[in-house]
Amino acid sequence: MDSTFLFASLIWGSVGVGYFIYGRRQQSIGPLMGGVLMIGASYLARSILEMSLACIGLMTAVYLNSKHGW
């Protein structure tokens, strides 16, 4: 573990917590589950690139879900 990995994990985990809180307050399952998965990705990823790609993919999925009204 290096400091760059820990900082990236902190950033992506914080974004995930934000999605989780937003989803809980709006009672929307999409952002809620996206937040949970982003938090999980920040813990389980083995590299910064893997973590960033997973979190960007989850953010895109949440956006597209909300855009299509699911």
PDB file of N, CA and C in Angstrom:
ATOM      1  N   MET A   1       0.838  -1.184   0.000  1.00  0.00           N
ATOM      2  CA  MET A   1       0.000   0.000   0.000  1.00  0.00           C
ATOM      3  C   MET A   1       0.878   1.242   0.000  1.00  0.00           C
ATOM      4  N   ASP A   2       0.506   2.171  -0.822  1.00  0.00           N
ATOM      5  CA  ASP A   2       1.199   3.445  -0.814  1.00  0.00           C
ATOM      6  C   ASP A   2       0.200   4.568  -0.565  1.00  0.00           C
ATOM      7  N   SER A   3       0.714   5.750  -0.376  1.00  0.00           N
ATOM      8  CA  SER A   3      -0.152   6.872  -0.023  1.00  0.00           C
ATOM      9  C   SER A   3      -1.078   7.266  -1.171  1.00  0.00           C
ATOM     10  N   THR A   4      -0.665   7.075  -2.414  1.00  0.00           N
ATOM     11  CA  THR A   4      -1.512   7.413  -3.552  1.00  0.00           C
ATOM     12  C   THR A   4      -2.742   6.512  -3.594  1.00  0.00           C
ATOM     13  N   PHE A   5      -2.550   5.226  -3.337  1.00  0.00           N
ATOM     14  CA  PHE A   5      -3.672   4.290  -3.309  1.00  0.00           C
ATOM     15  C   PHE A   5      -4.649   4.652  -2.192  1.00  0.00           C
ATOM     16  N   LEU A   6      -4.127   4.994  -1.030  1.00  0.00           N
ATOM     17  CA  LEU A   6      -4.997   5.359   0.093  1.00  0.00           C
ATOM     18  C   LEU A   6      -5.775   6.637  -0.195  1.00  0.00           C
ATOM     19  N   PHE A   7      -5.125   7.602  -0.833  1.00  0.00           N
ATOM     20  CA  PHE A   7      -5.805   8.850  -1.176  1.00  0.00           C
ATOM     21  C   PHE A   7      -6.907   8.594  -2.203  1.00  0.00           C
ATOM     22  N   ALA A   8      -6.630   7.783  -3.231  1.00  0.00           N
ATOM     23  CA  ALA A   8      -7.640   7.454  -4.236  1.00  0.00           C
ATOM     24  C   ALA A   8      -8.804   6.704  -3.594  1.00  0.00           C
ATOM     25  N   SER A   9      -8.506   5.810  -2.678  1.00  0.00           N
ATOM     26  CA  SER A   9      -9.545   5.076  -1.972  1.00  0.00           C
ATOM     27  C   SER A   9     -10.412   6.020  -1.135  1.00  0.00           C
ATOM     28  N   LEU A  10      -9.787   6.997  -0.511  1.00  0.00           N
ATOM     29  CA  LEU A  10     -10.525   7.992   0.262  1.00  0.00           C
ATOM     30  C   LEU A  10     -11.458   8.797  -0.635  1.00  0.00           C
ATOM     31  N   ILE A  11     -10.959   9.222  -1.780  1.00  0.00           N
ATOM     32  CA  ILE A  11     -11.770  10.022  -2.693  1.00  0.00           C
ATOM     33  C   ILE A  11     -12.954   9.216  -3.224  1.00  0.00           C
ATOM     34  N   TRP A  12     -12.699   8.030  -3.769  1.00  0.00           N
ATOM     35  CA  TRP A  12     -13.782   7.229  -4.337  1.00  0.00           C
ATOM     36  C   TRP A  12     -14.751   6.747  -3.263  1.00  0.00           C
ATOM     37  N   GLY A  13     -14.251   6.437  -2.089  1.00  0.00           N
ATOM     38  CA  GLY A  13     -15.140   6.052  -0.995  1.00  0.00           C
ATOM     39  C   GLY A  13     -16.042   7.194  -0.567  1.00  0.00           C
ATOM     40  N   SER A  14     -15.500   8.420  -0.568  1.00  0.00           N
ATOM     41  CA  SER A  14     -16.301   9.593  -0.217  1.00  0.00           C
ATOM     42  C   SER A  14     -17.380   9.858  -1.254  1.00  0.00           C
ATOM     43  N   VAL A  15     -17.045   9.699  -2.514  1.00  0.00           N
ATOM     44  CA  VAL A  15     -18.054   9.854  -3.570  1.00  0.00           C
ATOM     45  C   VAL A  15     -19.139   8.790  -3.395  1.00  0.00           C
ATOM     46  N   GLY A  16     -18.739   7.575  -3.059  1.00  0.00           N
ATOM     47  CA  GLY A  16     -19.702   6.499  -2.821  1.00  0.00           C
ATOM     48  C   GLY A  16     -20.617   6.801  -1.641  1.00  0.00           C
ATOM     49  N   VAL A  17     -20.071   7.355  -0.584  1.00  0.00           N
ATOM     50  CA  VAL A  17     -20.891   7.733   0.578  1.00  0.00           C
ATOM     51  C   VAL A  17     -21.887   8.818   0.186  1.00  0.00           C
ATOM     52  N   GLY A  18     -21.445   9.756  -0.643  1.00  0.00           N
ATOM     53  CA  GLY A  18     -22.347  10.803  -1.127  1.00  0.00           C
ATOM     54  C   GLY A  18     -23.502  10.221  -1.933  1.00  0.00           C
ATOM     55  N   TYR A  19     -23.200   9.281  -2.815  1.00  0.00           N
ATOM     56  CA  TYR A  19     -24.249   8.614  -3.585  1.00  0.00           C
ATOM     57  C   TYR A  19     -25.188   7.854  -2.654  1.00  0.00           C
ATOM     58  N   PHE A  20     -24.630   7.173  -1.666  1.00  0.00           N
ATOM     59  CA  PHE A  20     -25.444   6.408  -0.722  1.00  0.00           C
ATOM     60  C   PHE A  20     -26.396   7.313   0.052  1.00  0.00           C
ATOM     61  N   ILE A  21     -25.895   8.409   0.569  1.00  0.00           N
ATOM     62  CA  ILE A  21     -26.742   9.336   1.341  1.00  0.00           C
ATOM     63  C   ILE A  21     -27.820   9.950   0.456  1.00  0.00           C
ATOM     64  N   TYR A  22     -27.445  10.334  -0.769  1.00  0.00           N
ATOM     65  CA  TYR A  22     -28.420  10.886  -1.701  1.00  0.00           C
ATOM     66  C   TYR A  22     -29.517   9.867  -2.014  1.00  0.00           C
ATOM     67  N   GLY A  23     -29.124   8.634  -2.287  1.00  0.00           N
ATOM     68  CA  GLY A  23     -30.101   7.597  -2.598  1.00  0.00           C
ATOM     69  C   GLY A  23     -31.016   7.289  -1.432  1.00  0.00           C
ATOM     70  N   ARG A  24     -30.466   7.315  -0.227  1.00  0.00           N
ATOM     71  CA  ARG A  24     -31.283   7.048   0.956  1.00  0.00           C
ATOM     72  C   ARG A  24     -32.286   8.172   1.200  1.00  0.00           C
ATOM     73  N   ARG A  25     -31.848   9.416   1.054  1.00  0.00           N
ATOM     74  CA  ARG A  25     -32.756  10.541   1.310  1.00  0.00           C
ATOM     75  C   ARG A  25     -33.823  10.672   0.232  1.00  0.00           C
ATOM     76  N   GLN A  26     -33.468  10.364  -1.009  1.00  0.00           N
ATOM     77  CA  GLN A  26     -34.439  10.448  -2.102  1.00  0.00           C
ATOM     78  C   GLN A  26     -35.245   9.162  -2.260  1.00  0.00           C
ATOM     79  N   GLN A  27     -34.920   8.153  -1.489  1.00  0.00           N
ATOM     80  CA  GLN A  27     -35.543   6.840  -1.557  1.00  0.00           C
ATOM     81  C   GLN A  27     -35.471   6.282  -2.974  1.00  0.00           C
ATOM     82  N   SER A  28     -34.259   6.365  -3.538  1.00  0.00           N
ATOM     83  CA  SER A  28     -33.998   5.882  -4.890  1.00  0.00           C
ATOM     84  C   SER A  28     -32.960   4.765  -4.805  1.00  0.00           C
ATOM     85  N   ILE A  29     -33.304   3.613  -5.339  1.00  0.00           N
ATOM     86  CA  ILE A  29     -32.448   2.436  -5.199  1.00  0.00           C
ATOM     87  C   ILE A  29     -31.193   2.540  -6.064  1.00  0.00           C
ATOM     88  N   GLY A  30     -31.258   3.235  -7.201  1.00  0.00           N
ATOM     89  CA  GLY A  30     -30.111   3.329  -8.103  1.00  0.00           C
ATOM     90  C   GLY A  30     -28.884   3.980  -7.460  1.00  0.00           C
ATOM     91  N   PRO A  31     -29.014   5.231  -6.998  1.00  0.00           N
ATOM     92  CA  PRO A  31     -27.866   5.861  -6.345  1.00  0.00           C
ATOM     93  C   PRO A  31     -27.450   5.161  -5.047  1.00  0.00           C
ATOM     94  N   LEU A  32     -28.414   4.603  -4.336  1.00  0.00           N
ATOM     95  CA  LEU A  32     -28.113   3.896  -3.091  1.00  0.00           C
ATOM     96  C   LEU A  32     -27.215   2.698  -3.355  1.00  0.00           C
ATOM     97  N   MET A  33     -27.592   1.872  -4.313  1.00  0.00           N
ATOM     98  CA  MET A  33     -26.789   0.688  -4.633  1.00  0.00           C
ATOM     99  C   MET A  33     -25.478   1.080  -5.311  1.00  0.00           C
ATOM    100  N   GLY A  34     -25.510   2.129  -6.130  1.00  0.00           N
ATOM    101  CA  GLY A  34     -24.275   2.614  -6.733  1.00  0.00           C
ATOM    102  C   GLY A  34     -23.282   3.054  -5.673  1.00  0.00           C
ATOM    103  N   GLY A  35     -23.771   3.724  -4.637  1.00  0.00           N
ATOM    104  CA  GLY A  35     -22.908   4.153  -3.544  1.00  0.00           C
ATOM    105  C   GLY A  35     -22.319   2.982  -2.779  1.00  0.00           C
ATOM    106  N   VAL A  36     -23.145   1.997  -2.509  1.00  0.00           N
ATOM    107  CA  VAL A  36     -22.655   0.801  -1.800  1.00  0.00           C
ATOM    108  C   VAL A  36     -21.582   0.090  -2.622  1.00  0.00           C
ATOM    109  N   LEU A  37     -21.817  -0.040  -3.922  1.00  0.00           N
ATOM    110  CA  LEU A  37     -20.844  -0.711  -4.780  1.00  0.00           C
ATOM    111  C   LEU A  37     -19.558   0.096  -4.926  1.00  0.00           C
ATOM    112  N   MET A  38     -19.669   1.428  -4.937  1.00  0.00           N
ATOM    113  CA  MET A  38     -18.459   2.254  -5.009  1.00  0.00           C
ATOM    114  C   MET A  38     -17.634   2.138  -3.734  1.00  0.00           C
ATOM    115  N   ILE A  39     -18.304   2.101  -2.600  1.00  0.00           N
ATOM    116  CA  ILE A  39     -17.590   1.908  -1.334  1.00  0.00           C
ATOM    117  C   ILE A  39     -16.893   0.555  -1.342  1.00  0.00           C
ATOM    118  N   GLY A  40     -17.596  -0.468  -1.817  1.00  0.00           N
ATOM    119  CA  GLY A  40     -17.004  -1.798  -1.906  1.00  0.00           C
ATOM    120  C   GLY A  40     -15.824  -1.831  -2.865  1.00  0.00           C
ATOM    121  N   ALA A  41     -15.946  -1.131  -3.981  1.00  0.00           N
ATOM    122  CA  ALA A  41     -14.850  -1.098  -4.958  1.00  0.00           C
ATOM    123  C   ALA A  41     -13.621  -0.411  -4.374  1.00  0.00           C
ATOM    124  N   SER A  42     -13.833   0.597  -3.548  1.00  0.00           N
ATOM    125  CA  SER A  42     -12.680   1.280  -2.956  1.00  0.00           C
ATOM    126  C   SER A  42     -11.961   0.398  -1.934  1.00  0.00           C
ATOM    127  N   TYR A  43     -12.659  -0.579  -1.366  1.00  0.00           N
ATOM    128  CA  TYR A  43     -12.024  -1.508  -0.430  1.00  0.00           C
ATOM    129  C   TYR A  43     -11.399  -2.712  -1.125  1.00  0.00           C
ATOM    130  N   LEU A  44     -12.043  -3.191  -2.176  1.00  0.00           N
ATOM    131  CA  LEU A  44     -11.647  -4.452  -2.767  1.00  0.00           C
ATOM    132  C   LEU A  44     -10.706  -4.345  -3.957  1.00  0.00           C
ATOM    133  N   ALA A  45     -10.522  -3.166  -4.492  1.00  0.00           N
ATOM    134  CA  ALA A  45      -9.673  -3.010  -5.677  1.00  0.00           C
ATOM    135  C   ALA A  45      -8.214  -3.258  -5.318  1.00  0.00           C
ATOM    136  N   ARG A  46      -7.485  -3.786  -6.297  1.00  0.00           N
ATOM    137  CA  ARG A  46      -6.065  -4.086  -6.073  1.00  0.00           C
ATOM    138  C   ARG A  46      -5.149  -2.993  -6.588  1.00  0.00           C
ATOM    139  N   SER A  47      -5.671  -2.147  -7.488  1.00  0.00           N
ATOM    140  CA  SER A  47      -4.846  -1.070  -8.024  1.00  0.00           C
ATOM    141  C   SER A  47      -5.681   0.195  -8.176  1.00  0.00           C
ATOM    142  N   ILE A  48      -5.011   1.302  -8.332  1.00  0.00           N
ATOM    143  CA  ILE A  48      -5.698   2.580  -8.488  1.00  0.00           C
ATOM    144  C   ILE A  48      -6.485   2.599  -9.788  1.00  0.00           C
ATOM    145  N   LEU A  49      -5.905   2.055 -10.849  1.00  0.00           N
ATOM    146  CA  LEU A  49      -6.583   2.042 -12.137  1.00  0.00           C
ATOM    147  C   LEU A  49      -7.847   1.194 -12.082  1.00  0.00           C
ATOM    148  N   GLU A  50      -7.756   0.035 -11.471  1.00  0.00           N
ATOM    149  CA  GLU A  50      -8.920  -0.846 -11.332  1.00  0.00           C
ATOM    150  C   GLU A  50     -10.027  -0.166 -10.535  1.00  0.00           C
ATOM    151  N   MET A  51      -9.659   0.485  -9.447  1.00  0.00           N
ATOM    152  CA  MET A  51     -10.624   1.173  -8.604  1.00  0.00           C
ATOM    153  C   MET A  51     -11.273   2.336  -9.353  1.00  0.00           C
ATOM    154  N   SER A  52     -10.470   3.113 -10.045  1.00  0.00           N
ATOM    155  CA  SER A  52     -10.994   4.270 -10.763  1.00  0.00           C
ATOM    156  C   SER A  52     -11.918   3.851 -11.897  1.00  0.00           C
ATOM    157  N   LEU A  53     -11.543   2.841 -12.645  1.00  0.00           N
ATOM    158  CA  LEU A  53     -12.391   2.374 -13.740  1.00  0.00           C
ATOM    159  C   LEU A  53     -13.716   1.819 -13.225  1.00  0.00           C
ATOM    160  N   ALA A  54     -13.661   1.073 -12.138  1.00  0.00           N
ATOM    161  CA  ALA A  54     -14.893   0.523 -11.554  1.00  0.00           C
ATOM    162  C   ALA A  54     -15.810   1.641 -11.071  1.00  0.00           C
ATOM    163  N   CYS A  55     -15.255   2.621 -10.397  1.00  0.00           N
ATOM    164  CA  CYS A  55     -16.075   3.709  -9.859  1.00  0.00           C
ATOM    165  C   CYS A  55     -16.620   4.609 -10.961  1.00  0.00           C
ATOM    166  N   ILE A  56     -15.827   4.875 -11.989  1.00  0.00           N
ATOM    167  CA  ILE A  56     -16.319   5.667 -13.111  1.00  0.00           C
ATOM    168  C   ILE A  56     -17.423   4.906 -13.844  1.00  0.00           C
ATOM    169  N   GLY A  57     -17.256   3.616 -13.991  1.00  0.00           N
ATOM    170  CA  GLY A  57     -18.303   2.799 -14.597  1.00  0.00           C
ATOM    171  C   GLY A  57     -19.588   2.813 -13.787  1.00  0.00           C
ATOM    172  N   LEU A  58     -19.457   2.741 -12.467  1.00  0.00           N
ATOM    173  CA  LEU A  58     -20.648   2.784 -11.609  1.00  0.00           C
ATOM    174  C   LEU A  58     -21.323   4.150 -11.666  1.00  0.00           C
ATOM    175  N   MET A  59     -20.534   5.215 -11.705  1.00  0.00           N
ATOM    176  CA  MET A  59     -21.113   6.550 -11.828  1.00  0.00           C
ATOM    177  C   MET A  59     -21.868   6.693 -13.145  1.00  0.00           C
ATOM    178  N   THR A  60     -21.307   6.153 -14.210  1.00  0.00           N
ATOM    179  CA  THR A  60     -21.970   6.197 -15.511  1.00  0.00           C
ATOM    180  C   THR A  60     -23.261   5.396 -15.486  1.00  0.00           C
ATOM    181  N   ALA A  61     -23.237   4.236 -14.863  1.00  0.00           N
ATOM    182  CA  ALA A  61     -24.436   3.401 -14.774  1.00  0.00           C
ATOM    183  C   ALA A  61     -25.540   4.098 -13.982  1.00  0.00           C
ATOM    184  N   VAL A  62     -25.188   4.740 -12.875  1.00  0.00           N
ATOM    185  CA  VAL A  62     -26.188   5.462 -12.079  1.00  0.00           C
ATOM    186  C   VAL A  62     -26.763   6.622 -12.885  1.00  0.00           C
ATOM    187  N   TYR A  63     -25.904   7.329 -13.601  1.00  0.00           N
ATOM    188  CA  TYR A  63     -26.370   8.454 -14.417  1.00  0.00           C
ATOM    189  C   TYR A  63     -27.330   7.980 -15.507  1.00  0.00           C
ATOM    190  N   LEU A  64     -26.939   6.925 -16.217  1.00  0.00           N
ATOM    191  CA  LEU A  64     -27.795   6.427 -17.298  1.00  0.00           C
ATOM    192  C   LEU A  64     -29.109   5.877 -16.766  1.00  0.00           C
ATOM    193  N   ASN A  65     -29.068   5.230 -15.604  1.00  0.00           N
ATOM    194  CA  ASN A  65     -30.310   4.749 -14.979  1.00  0.00           C
ATOM    195  C   ASN A  65     -31.237   5.898 -14.633  1.00  0.00           C
ATOM    196  N   SER A  66     -30.702   6.951 -14.068  1.00  0.00           N
ATOM    197  CA  SER A  66     -31.545   8.086 -13.704  1.00  0.00           C
ATOM    198  C   SER A  66     -32.033   8.830 -14.936  1.00  0.00           C
ATOM    199  N   LYS A  67     -31.227   8.863 -15.985  1.00  0.00           N
ATOM    200  CA  LYS A  67     -31.611   9.547 -17.213  1.00  0.00           C
ATOM    201  C   LYS A  67     -32.771   8.839 -17.913  1.00  0.00           C
ATOM    202  N   HIS A  68     -32.780   7.501 -17.833  1.00  0.00           N
ATOM    203  CA  HIS A  68     -33.833   6.724 -18.463  1.00  0.00           C
ATOM    204  C   HIS A  68     -35.039   6.500 -17.540  1.00  0.00           C
ATOM    205  N   GLY A  69     -34.952   6.991 -16.320  1.00  0.00           N
ATOM    206  CA  GLY A  69     -36.080   6.890 -15.401  1.00  0.00           C
ATOM    207  C   GLY A  69     -36.277   5.553 -14.742  1.00  0.00           C
ATOM    208  N   TRP A  70     -35.229   4.729 -14.644  1.00  0.00           N
ATOM    209  CA  TRP A  70     -35.361   3.414 -14.030  1.00  0.00           C
ATOM    210  C   TRP A  70     -35.235   3.537 -12.573  1.00  0.00           C
TER     211      TRP A  70
END
